[in-house]
């Protein structure tokens, strides 16, 4: 069983560019079933690190990948 990690979440954000908070957790988008607590933790960490950002004024909460997140995804792909 694959568990959610930063690489999986960054890859999903790169693929989709922008996802609502509800869509991020769908296994069709992540490729794994995500535990809500784990997903929230990784989203907070990626936001704090500048890898994703929240779109202002958009309801429901919507995340988008940043250039920094794309570069991190490329780096992780080569590990």
PDB file of N, CA and C in Angstrom:
ATOM      1  N   UNK A   1       0.836  -1.176   0.000  1.00  0.00           N
ATOM      2  CA  UNK A   1       0.000   0.000   0.000  1.00  0.00           C
ATOM      3  C   UNK A   1       0.885   1.245   0.000  1.00  0.00           C
ATOM      4  N   UNK A   2       0.601   2.184  -0.872  1.00  0.00           N
ATOM      5  CA  UNK A   2       1.346   3.433  -0.940  1.00  0.00           C
ATOM      6  C   UNK A   2       0.705   4.451  -0.014  1.00  0.00           C
ATOM      7  N   UNK A   3       1.523   5.133   0.775  1.00  0.00           N
ATOM      8  CA  UNK A   3       0.999   6.171   1.643  1.00  0.00           C
ATOM      9  C   UNK A   3       1.332   7.535   1.060  1.00  0.00           C
ATOM     10  N   UNK A   4       0.514   8.493   1.403  1.00  0.00           N
ATOM     11  CA  UNK A   4       0.697   9.843   0.916  1.00  0.00           C
ATOM     12  C   UNK A   4       2.034  10.400   1.389  1.00  0.00           C
ATOM     13  N   UNK A   5       2.738  11.074   0.492  1.00  0.00           N
ATOM     14  CA  UNK A   5       3.966  11.763   0.861  1.00  0.00           C
ATOM     15  C   UNK A   5       4.069  13.044   0.033  1.00  0.00           C
ATOM     16  N   UNK A   6       5.088  13.849   0.322  1.00  0.00           N
ATOM     17  CA  UNK A   6       5.254  15.136  -0.366  1.00  0.00           C
ATOM     18  C   UNK A   6       5.345  14.969  -1.878  1.00  0.00           C
ATOM     19  N   UNK A   7       6.068  13.961  -2.318  1.00  0.00           N
ATOM     20  CA  UNK A   7       6.270  13.764  -3.754  1.00  0.00           C
ATOM     21  C   UNK A   7       4.946  13.494  -4.462  1.00  0.00           C
ATOM     22  N   UNK A   8       4.128  12.634  -3.896  1.00  0.00           N
ATOM     23  CA  UNK A   8       2.830  12.317  -4.497  1.00  0.00           C
ATOM     24  C   UNK A   8       1.964  13.569  -4.575  1.00  0.00           C
ATOM     25  N   UNK A   9       1.947  14.348  -3.504  1.00  0.00           N
ATOM     26  CA  UNK A   9       1.127  15.551  -3.473  1.00  0.00           C
ATOM     27  C   UNK A   9       1.644  16.602  -4.456  1.00  0.00           C
ATOM     28  N   UNK A  10       2.949  16.793  -4.508  1.00  0.00           N
ATOM     29  CA  UNK A  10       3.529  17.751  -5.468  1.00  0.00           C
ATOM     30  C   UNK A  10       3.260  17.297  -6.896  1.00  0.00           C
ATOM     31  N   UNK A  11       3.417  16.007  -7.171  1.00  0.00           N
ATOM     32  CA  UNK A  11       3.152  15.494  -8.524  1.00  0.00           C
ATOM     33  C   UNK A  11       1.703  15.751  -8.937  1.00  0.00           C
ATOM     34  N   UNK A  12       0.766  15.532  -8.010  1.00  0.00           N
ATOM     35  CA  UNK A  12      -0.651  15.775  -8.312  1.00  0.00           C
ATOM     36  C   UNK A  12      -0.898  17.252  -8.583  1.00  0.00           C
ATOM     37  N   UNK A  13      -0.258  18.114  -7.813  1.00  0.00           N
ATOM     38  CA  UNK A  13      -0.444  19.554  -8.021  1.00  0.00           C
ATOM     39  C   UNK A  13       0.177  19.995  -9.342  1.00  0.00           C
ATOM     40  N   UNK A  14       1.313  19.438  -9.698  1.00  0.00           N
ATOM     41  CA  UNK A  14       1.931  19.777 -10.992  1.00  0.00           C
ATOM     42  C   UNK A  14       1.019  19.327 -12.132  1.00  0.00           C
ATOM     43  N   UNK A  15       0.479  18.133 -12.025  1.00  0.00           N
ATOM     44  CA  UNK A  15      -0.378  17.582 -13.078  1.00  0.00           C
ATOM     45  C   UNK A  15      -1.639  18.428 -13.267  1.00  0.00           C
ATOM     46  N   UNK A  16      -2.255  18.852 -12.164  1.00  0.00           N
ATOM     47  CA  UNK A  16      -3.538  19.552 -12.241  1.00  0.00           C
ATOM     48  C   UNK A  16      -3.423  21.064 -12.123  1.00  0.00           C
ATOM     49  N   UNK A  17      -2.299  21.562 -11.677  1.00  0.00           N
ATOM     50  CA  UNK A  17      -1.998  22.982 -11.475  1.00  0.00           C
ATOM     51  C   UNK A  17      -2.830  23.619 -10.373  1.00  0.00           C
ATOM     52  N   UNK A  18      -4.135  23.461 -10.412  1.00  0.00           N
ATOM     53  CA  UNK A  18      -5.017  24.068  -9.419  1.00  0.00           C
ATOM     54  C   UNK A  18      -6.072  23.051  -9.010  1.00  0.00           C
ATOM     55  N   UNK A  19      -6.243  22.878  -7.698  1.00  0.00           N
ATOM     56  CA  UNK A  19      -7.241  21.945  -7.178  1.00  0.00           C
ATOM     57  C   UNK A  19      -7.916  22.532  -5.947  1.00  0.00           C
ATOM     58  N   UNK A  20      -9.201  22.260  -5.806  1.00  0.00           N
ATOM     59  CA  UNK A  20      -9.890  22.652  -4.584  1.00  0.00           C
ATOM     60  C   UNK A  20      -9.469  21.715  -3.465  1.00  0.00           C
ATOM     61  N   UNK A  21      -9.731  22.125  -2.256  1.00  0.00           N
ATOM     62  CA  UNK A  21      -9.360  21.303  -1.112  1.00  0.00           C
ATOM     63  C   UNK A  21     -10.064  19.946  -1.179  1.00  0.00           C
ATOM     64  N   UNK A  22     -11.290  19.910  -1.672  1.00  0.00           N
ATOM     65  CA  UNK A  22     -12.010  18.634  -1.793  1.00  0.00           C
ATOM     66  C   UNK A  22     -11.422  17.742  -2.881  1.00  0.00           C
ATOM     67  N   UNK A  23     -11.026  18.342  -4.001  1.00  0.00           N
ATOM     68  CA  UNK A  23     -10.473  17.565  -5.109  1.00  0.00           C
ATOM     69  C   UNK A  23      -9.078  17.016  -4.820  1.00  0.00           C
ATOM     70  N   UNK A  24      -8.318  17.720  -4.009  1.00  0.00           N
ATOM     71  CA  UNK A  24      -6.963  17.245  -3.698  1.00  0.00           C
ATOM     72  C   UNK A  24      -7.012  15.876  -3.040  1.00  0.00           C
ATOM     73  N   UNK A  25      -7.967  15.649  -2.159  1.00  0.00           N
ATOM     74  CA  UNK A  25      -8.029  14.405  -1.396  1.00  0.00           C
ATOM     75  C   UNK A  25      -8.572  13.213  -2.148  1.00  0.00           C
ATOM     76  N   UNK A  26      -9.073  13.420  -3.362  1.00  0.00           N
ATOM     77  CA  UNK A  26      -9.640  12.301  -4.120  1.00  0.00           C
ATOM     78  C   UNK A  26      -8.534  11.372  -4.615  1.00  0.00           C
ATOM     79  N   UNK A  27      -8.763  10.080  -4.436  1.00  0.00           N
ATOM     80  CA  UNK A  27      -7.740   9.116  -4.846  1.00  0.00           C
ATOM     81  C   UNK A  27      -7.506   9.166  -6.353  1.00  0.00           C
ATOM     82  N   UNK A  28      -8.495   9.598  -7.133  1.00  0.00           N
ATOM     83  CA  UNK A  28      -8.309   9.711  -8.582  1.00  0.00           C
ATOM     84  C   UNK A  28      -7.258  10.772  -8.912  1.00  0.00           C
ATOM     85  N   UNK A  29      -7.124  11.784  -8.086  1.00  0.00           N
ATOM     86  CA  UNK A  29      -6.138  12.841  -8.319  1.00  0.00           C
ATOM     87  C   UNK A  29      -4.782  12.519  -7.713  1.00  0.00           C
ATOM     88  N   UNK A  30      -4.783  11.829  -6.582  1.00  0.00           N
ATOM     89  CA  UNK A  30      -3.522  11.509  -5.905  1.00  0.00           C
ATOM     90  C   UNK A  30      -2.951  10.152  -6.309  1.00  0.00           C
ATOM     91  N   UNK A  31      -3.821   9.237  -6.680  1.00  0.00           N
ATOM     92  CA  UNK A  31      -3.371   7.886  -6.979  1.00  0.00           C
ATOM     93  C   UNK A  31      -3.300   7.015  -5.739  1.00  0.00           C
ATOM     94  N   UNK A  32      -3.617   7.582  -4.585  1.00  0.00           N
ATOM     95  CA  UNK A  32      -3.658   6.849  -3.313  1.00  0.00           C
ATOM     96  C   UNK A  32      -4.820   7.387  -2.492  1.00  0.00           C
ATOM     97  N   UNK A  33      -5.295   6.587  -1.567  1.00  0.00           N
ATOM     98  CA  UNK A  33      -6.308   7.059  -0.631  1.00  0.00           C
ATOM     99  C   UNK A  33      -5.588   7.843   0.461  1.00  0.00           C
ATOM    100  N   UNK A  34      -5.991   9.085   0.653  1.00  0.00           N
ATOM    101  CA  UNK A  34      -5.292   9.948   1.605  1.00  0.00           C
ATOM    102  C   UNK A  34      -6.046  10.053   2.923  1.00  0.00           C
ATOM    103  N   UNK A  35      -5.322   9.923   4.005  1.00  0.00           N
ATOM    104  CA  UNK A  35      -5.848  10.192   5.326  1.00  0.00           C
ATOM    105  C   UNK A  35      -5.976  11.713   5.459  1.00  0.00           C
ATOM    106  N   UNK A  36      -7.130  12.209   5.924  1.00  0.00           N
ATOM    107  CA  UNK A  36      -7.361  13.650   6.002  1.00  0.00           C
ATOM    108  C   UNK A  36      -6.313  14.351   6.856  1.00  0.00           C
ATOM    109  N   UNK A  37      -5.920  13.750   7.954  1.00  0.00           N
ATOM    110  CA  UNK A  37      -4.903  14.347   8.816  1.00  0.00           C
ATOM    111  C   UNK A  37      -3.561  14.478   8.107  1.00  0.00           C
ATOM    112  N   UNK A  38      -3.173  13.425   7.394  1.00  0.00           N
ATOM    113  CA  UNK A  38      -1.924  13.460   6.631  1.00  0.00           C
ATOM    114  C   UNK A  38      -1.988  14.506   5.532  1.00  0.00           C
ATOM    115  N   UNK A  39      -3.105  14.543   4.812  1.00  0.00           N
ATOM    116  CA  UNK A  39      -3.268  15.497   3.729  1.00  0.00           C
ATOM    117  C   UNK A  39      -3.178  16.930   4.256  1.00  0.00           C
ATOM    118  N   UNK A  40      -3.874  17.213   5.341  1.00  0.00           N
ATOM    119  CA  UNK A  40      -3.815  18.552   5.938  1.00  0.00           C
ATOM    120  C   UNK A  40      -2.393  18.912   6.352  1.00  0.00           C
ATOM    121  N   UNK A  41      -1.679  17.949   6.930  1.00  0.00           N
ATOM    122  CA  UNK A  41      -0.293  18.183   7.352  1.00  0.00           C
ATOM    123  C   UNK A  41       0.585  18.546   6.152  1.00  0.00           C
ATOM    124  N   UNK A  42       0.513  17.748   5.095  1.00  0.00           N
ATOM    125  CA  UNK A  42       1.349  18.011   3.924  1.00  0.00           C
ATOM    126  C   UNK A  42       0.967  19.318   3.229  1.00  0.00           C
ATOM    127  N   UNK A  43      -0.327  19.625   3.160  1.00  0.00           N
ATOM    128  CA  UNK A  43      -0.749  20.891   2.563  1.00  0.00           C
ATOM    129  C   UNK A  43      -0.192  22.075   3.347  1.00  0.00           C
ATOM    130  N   UNK A  44      -0.263  22.011   4.668  1.00  0.00           N
ATOM    131  CA  UNK A  44       0.300  23.093   5.503  1.00  0.00           C
ATOM    132  C   UNK A  44       1.796  23.229   5.286  1.00  0.00           C
ATOM    133  N   UNK A  45       2.507  22.102   5.227  1.00  0.00           N
ATOM    134  CA  UNK A  45       3.953  22.143   5.037  1.00  0.00           C
ATOM    135  C   UNK A  45       4.322  22.710   3.660  1.00  0.00           C
ATOM    136  N   UNK A  46       3.638  22.263   2.624  1.00  0.00           N
ATOM    137  CA  UNK A  46       3.926  22.761   1.280  1.00  0.00           C
ATOM    138  C   UNK A  46       3.598  24.249   1.162  1.00  0.00           C
ATOM    139  N   UNK A  47       2.532  24.678   1.811  1.00  0.00           N
ATOM    140  CA  UNK A  47       2.174  26.098   1.811  1.00  0.00           C
ATOM    141  C   UNK A  47       3.245  26.906   2.544  1.00  0.00           C
ATOM    142  N   UNK A  48       3.627  26.434   3.708  1.00  0.00           N
ATOM    143  CA  UNK A  48       4.651  27.106   4.518  1.00  0.00           C
ATOM    144  C   UNK A  48       5.981  27.204   3.769  1.00  0.00           C
ATOM    145  N   UNK A  49       6.312  26.164   3.002  1.00  0.00           N
ATOM    146  CA  UNK A  49       7.573  26.134   2.252  1.00  0.00           C
ATOM    147  C   UNK A  49       7.491  26.877   0.918  1.00  0.00           C
ATOM    148  N   UNK A  50       6.307  27.410   0.578  1.00  0.00           N
ATOM    149  CA  UNK A  50       6.159  28.165  -0.663  1.00  0.00           C
ATOM    150  C   UNK A  50       6.006  27.303  -1.907  1.00  0.00           C
ATOM    151  N   UNK A  51       5.680  26.028  -1.733  1.00  0.00           N
ATOM    152  CA  UNK A  51       5.523  25.120  -2.875  1.00  0.00           C
ATOM    153  C   UNK A  51       4.134  25.236  -3.505  1.00  0.00           C
ATOM    154  N   UNK A  52       3.144  25.575  -2.675  1.00  0.00           N
ATOM    155  CA  UNK A  52       1.781  25.812  -3.153  1.00  0.00           C
ATOM    156  C   UNK A  52       1.303  27.117  -2.539  1.00  0.00           C
ATOM    157  N   UNK A  53       0.254  27.662  -3.122  1.00  0.00           N
ATOM    158  CA  UNK A  53      -0.346  28.870  -2.587  1.00  0.00           C
ATOM    159  C   UNK A  53      -1.862  28.719  -2.644  1.00  0.00           C
ATOM    160  N   UNK A  54      -2.552  29.532  -1.853  1.00  0.00           N
ATOM    161  CA  UNK A  54      -4.007  29.529  -1.823  1.00  0.00           C
ATOM    162  C   UNK A  54      -4.489  30.706  -2.656  1.00  0.00           C
ATOM    163  N   UNK A  55      -5.441  30.447  -3.535  1.00  0.00           N
ATOM    164  CA  UNK A  55      -5.987  31.515  -4.358  1.00  0.00           C
ATOM    165  C   UNK A  55      -6.888  32.401  -3.500  1.00  0.00           C
ATOM    166  N   UNK A  56      -6.653  33.699  -3.519  1.00  0.00           N
ATOM    167  CA  UNK A  56      -7.427  34.658  -2.727  1.00  0.00           C
ATOM    168  C   UNK A  56      -8.849  34.780  -3.242  1.00  0.00           C
ATOM    169  N   UNK A  57      -9.795  34.826  -2.312  1.00  0.00           N
ATOM    170  CA  UNK A  57     -11.184  35.085  -2.654  1.00  0.00           C
ATOM    171  C   UNK A  57     -11.918  33.965  -3.352  1.00  0.00           C
ATOM    172  N   UNK A  58     -11.327  32.801  -3.439  1.00  0.00           N
ATOM    173  CA  UNK A  58     -11.959  31.671  -4.126  1.00  0.00           C
ATOM    174  C   UNK A  58     -12.552  30.726  -3.086  1.00  0.00           C
ATOM    175  N   UNK A  59     -13.817  30.382  -3.286  1.00  0.00           N
ATOM    176  CA  UNK A  59     -14.495  29.459  -2.382  1.00  0.00           C
ATOM    177  C   UNK A  59     -15.002  28.301  -3.224  1.00  0.00           C
ATOM    178  N   UNK A  60     -14.750  27.046  -2.863  1.00  0.00           N
ATOM    179  CA  UNK A  60     -14.009  26.611  -1.692  1.00  0.00           C
ATOM    180  C   UNK A  60     -12.508  26.874  -1.831  1.00  0.00           C
ATOM    181  N   UNK A  61     -11.814  26.688  -0.731  1.00  0.00           N
ATOM    182  CA  UNK A  61     -10.365  26.907  -0.704  1.00  0.00           C
ATOM    183  C   UNK A  61      -9.719  26.166  -1.873  1.00  0.00           C
ATOM    184  N   UNK A  62      -8.901  26.892  -2.638  1.00  0.00           N
ATOM    185  CA  UNK A  62      -8.284  26.331  -3.841  1.00  0.00           C
ATOM    186  C   UNK A  62      -6.774  26.554  -3.798  1.00  0.00           C
ATOM    187  N   UNK A  63      -6.025  25.494  -4.030  1.00  0.00           N
ATOM    188  CA  UNK A  63      -4.570  25.534  -4.010  1.00  0.00           C
ATOM    189  C   UNK A  63      -4.033  25.510  -5.435  1.00  0.00           C
ATOM    190  N   UNK A  64      -2.895  26.154  -5.624  1.00  0.00           N
ATOM    191  CA  UNK A  64      -2.212  26.094  -6.913  1.00  0.00           C
ATOM    192  C   UNK A  64      -0.714  25.902  -6.662  1.00  0.00           C
ATOM    193  N   UNK A  65      -0.059  25.239  -7.579  1.00  0.00           N
ATOM    194  CA  UNK A  65       1.378  24.981  -7.472  1.00  0.00           C
ATOM    195  C   UNK A  65       2.139  26.257  -7.826  1.00  0.00           C
ATOM    196  N   UNK A  66       3.261  26.477  -7.187  1.00  0.00           N
ATOM    197  CA  UNK A  66       4.116  27.625  -7.491  1.00  0.00           C
ATOM    198  C   UNK A  66       5.317  27.154  -8.308  1.00  0.00           C
ATOM    199  N   UNK A  67       6.070  28.113  -8.830  1.00  0.00           N
ATOM    200  CA  UNK A  67       7.298  27.752  -9.556  1.00  0.00           C
ATOM    201  C   UNK A  67       8.246  26.975  -8.656  1.00  0.00           C
ATOM    202  N   UNK A  68       8.301  27.362  -7.394  1.00  0.00           N
ATOM    203  CA  UNK A  68       9.159  26.659  -6.433  1.00  0.00           C
ATOM    204  C   UNK A  68       8.702  25.203  -6.279  1.00  0.00           C
ATOM    205  N   UNK A  69       7.390  24.985  -6.254  1.00  0.00           N
ATOM    206  CA  UNK A  69       6.849  23.630  -6.151  1.00  0.00           C
ATOM    207  C   UNK A  69       7.163  22.798  -7.381  1.00  0.00           C
ATOM    208  N   UNK A  70       7.088  23.417  -8.546  1.00  0.00           N
ATOM    209  CA  UNK A  70       7.413  22.710  -9.792  1.00  0.00           C
ATOM    210  C   UNK A  70       8.884  22.303  -9.797  1.00  0.00           C
ATOM    211  N   UNK A  71       9.758  23.200  -9.364  1.00  0.00           N
ATOM    212  CA  UNK A  71      11.189  22.876  -9.300  1.00  0.00           C
ATOM    213  C   UNK A  71      11.458  21.763  -8.302  1.00  0.00           C
ATOM    214  N   UNK A  72      10.740  21.770  -7.173  1.00  0.00           N
ATOM    215  CA  UNK A  72      10.908  20.708  -6.191  1.00  0.00           C
ATOM    216  C   UNK A  72      10.436  19.376  -6.767  1.00  0.00           C
ATOM    217  N   UNK A  73       9.336  19.392  -7.518  1.00  0.00           N
ATOM    218  CA  UNK A  73       8.854  18.179  -8.169  1.00  0.00           C
ATOM    219  C   UNK A  73       9.861  17.617  -9.144  1.00  0.00           C
ATOM    220  N   UNK A  74      10.507  18.491  -9.903  1.00  0.00           N
ATOM    221  CA  UNK A  74      11.550  18.055 -10.831  1.00  0.00           C
ATOM    222  C   UNK A  74      12.745  17.467 -10.089  1.00  0.00           C
ATOM    223  N   UNK A  75      13.109  18.091  -8.972  1.00  0.00           N
ATOM    224  CA  UNK A  75      14.230  17.584  -8.169  1.00  0.00           C
ATOM    225  C   UNK A  75      13.893  16.212  -7.605  1.00  0.00           C
ATOM    226  N   UNK A  76      12.697  16.050  -7.077  1.00  0.00           N
ATOM    227  CA  UNK A  76      12.288  14.769  -6.495  1.00  0.00           C
ATOM    228  C   UNK A  76      12.201  13.675  -7.553  1.00  0.00           C
ATOM    229  N   UNK A  77      11.874  14.033  -8.776  1.00  0.00           N
ATOM    230  CA  UNK A  77      11.772  13.049  -9.854  1.00  0.00           C
ATOM    231  C   UNK A  77      13.126  12.422 -10.183  1.00  0.00           C
ATOM    232  N   UNK A  78      14.193  13.141  -9.884  1.00  0.00           N
ATOM    233  CA  UNK A  78      15.537  12.644 -10.192  1.00  0.00           C
ATOM    234  C   UNK A  78      16.192  11.905  -9.026  1.00  0.00           C
ATOM    235  N   UNK A  79      15.505  11.810  -7.913  1.00  0.00           N
ATOM    236  CA  UNK A  79      16.083  11.089  -6.762  1.00  0.00           C
ATOM    237  C   UNK A  79      15.847   9.616  -6.860  1.00  0.00           C
TER     238      UNK A  79
END
